[in-house]
Protein backbone atom coordinates (compact mmCIF):
# COMPACT_ATOMS: atom_id res chain seq x y z
CA UNK A 1 11.11 18.92 8.69
CA UNK A 2 7.53 17.60 8.50
CA UNK A 3 6.40 14.49 10.30
CA UNK A 4 5.60 11.55 8.03
CA UNK A 5 1.96 10.82 7.29
CA UNK A 6 0.64 7.31 6.64
CA UNK A 7 -1.86 6.81 3.81
CA UNK A 8 -3.20 3.76 1.99
CA UNK A 9 -3.88 2.85 -1.62
CA UNK A 10 -5.30 -0.17 -3.40
CA UNK A 11 -3.23 -2.24 -5.82
CA UNK A 12 -4.64 -4.97 -8.07
CA UNK A 13 -2.72 -8.22 -8.24
CA UNK A 14 -2.24 -11.83 -7.17
CA UNK A 15 -1.66 -12.63 -3.50
CA UNK A 16 0.38 -15.85 -3.44
CA UNK A 17 -0.57 -16.56 0.17
CA UNK A 18 -4.32 -16.23 -0.42
CA UNK A 19 -4.17 -17.69 -3.96
CA UNK A 20 -6.48 -14.90 -5.01
CA UNK A 21 -6.30 -12.08 -7.53
CA UNK A 22 -7.95 -8.91 -6.28
CA UNK A 23 -7.45 -5.51 -4.67
CA UNK A 24 -4.94 -5.34 -1.83
CA UNK A 25 -4.10 -2.45 0.46
CA UNK A 26 -0.60 -0.93 0.33
CA UNK A 27 0.76 1.42 3.02
CA UNK A 28 2.53 4.61 1.92
CA UNK A 29 4.45 7.02 4.14
CA UNK A 30 5.59 10.55 3.45
CA UNK A 31 4.46 14.13 3.22
CA UNK A 32 2.00 15.77 0.83
CA UNK A 33 3.63 15.76 -2.59
CA UNK A 34 5.81 12.70 -1.88
CA UNK A 35 4.43 9.39 -0.56
CA UNK A 36 6.69 6.30 -0.81
CA UNK A 37 5.65 2.64 -0.65
CA UNK A 38 6.25 1.29 2.87
CA UNK A 39 4.58 -2.13 3.02
CA UNK A 40 1.41 -4.12 2.65
CA UNK A 41 -1.54 -3.22 4.85
CA UNK A 42 -4.04 -5.86 3.76
CA UNK A 43 -5.88 -7.46 6.69
CA UNK A 44 -4.52 -10.92 5.76
CA UNK A 45 -0.82 -9.89 5.90
CA UNK A 46 1.04 -12.01 8.46
CA UNK A 47 4.57 -13.19 9.16
CA UNK A 48 6.21 -10.73 6.76
CA UNK A 49 4.46 -12.24 3.74
CA UNK A 50 4.95 -8.93 1.89
CA UNK A 51 8.68 -9.59 1.50
CA UNK A 52 8.05 -11.71 -1.62
CA UNK A 53 4.62 -10.34 -2.48
CA UNK A 54 3.91 -9.83 -6.19
CA UNK A 55 1.42 -7.08 -5.30
CA UNK A 56 4.07 -5.22 -3.29
CA UNK A 57 6.50 -5.48 -6.21
CA UNK A 58 3.99 -4.10 -8.71
CA UNK A 59 2.68 -1.24 -6.53
CA UNK A 60 3.95 2.23 -7.45
CA UNK A 61 7.12 3.10 -5.52
CA UNK A 62 5.96 6.72 -5.24
CA UNK A 63 2.41 8.05 -5.61
CA UNK A 64 1.89 10.70 -8.28
CA UNK A 65 1.02 13.91 -6.36
CA UNK A 66 -2.01 14.42 -8.63
CA UNK A 67 -3.46 11.10 -7.36
CA UNK A 68 -2.94 11.74 -3.63
CA UNK A 69 -6.61 12.75 -3.30
CA UNK A 70 -7.47 9.11 -4.02
CA UNK A 71 -5.50 7.71 -1.06
CA UNK A 72 -7.20 6.55 2.14
CA UNK A 73 -6.42 7.92 5.61
CA UNK A 74 -7.22 4.57 7.29
CA UNK A 75 -6.83 1.01 6.05
CA UNK A 76 -10.16 -0.59 5.14
CA UNK A 77 -11.55 -3.08 7.59
CA UNK A 78 -9.56 -1.85 10.59
């Protein structure tokens, strides 16, 4: 069994905590061909704010394998 890889993708939406609509970073975990949504990775995420995050709800549960090339290896700003 392959070890999980962590990748990042941007999702557009409203962050209730920041009161701002923009691009937010979502963390995905998996193996090539199957990456599942694992949590928010935006630099402002604190205190489990992603539990009721509208951006987290709207982000794709699984990344289409044809779009994996678009994912980031490291979160921006870290």
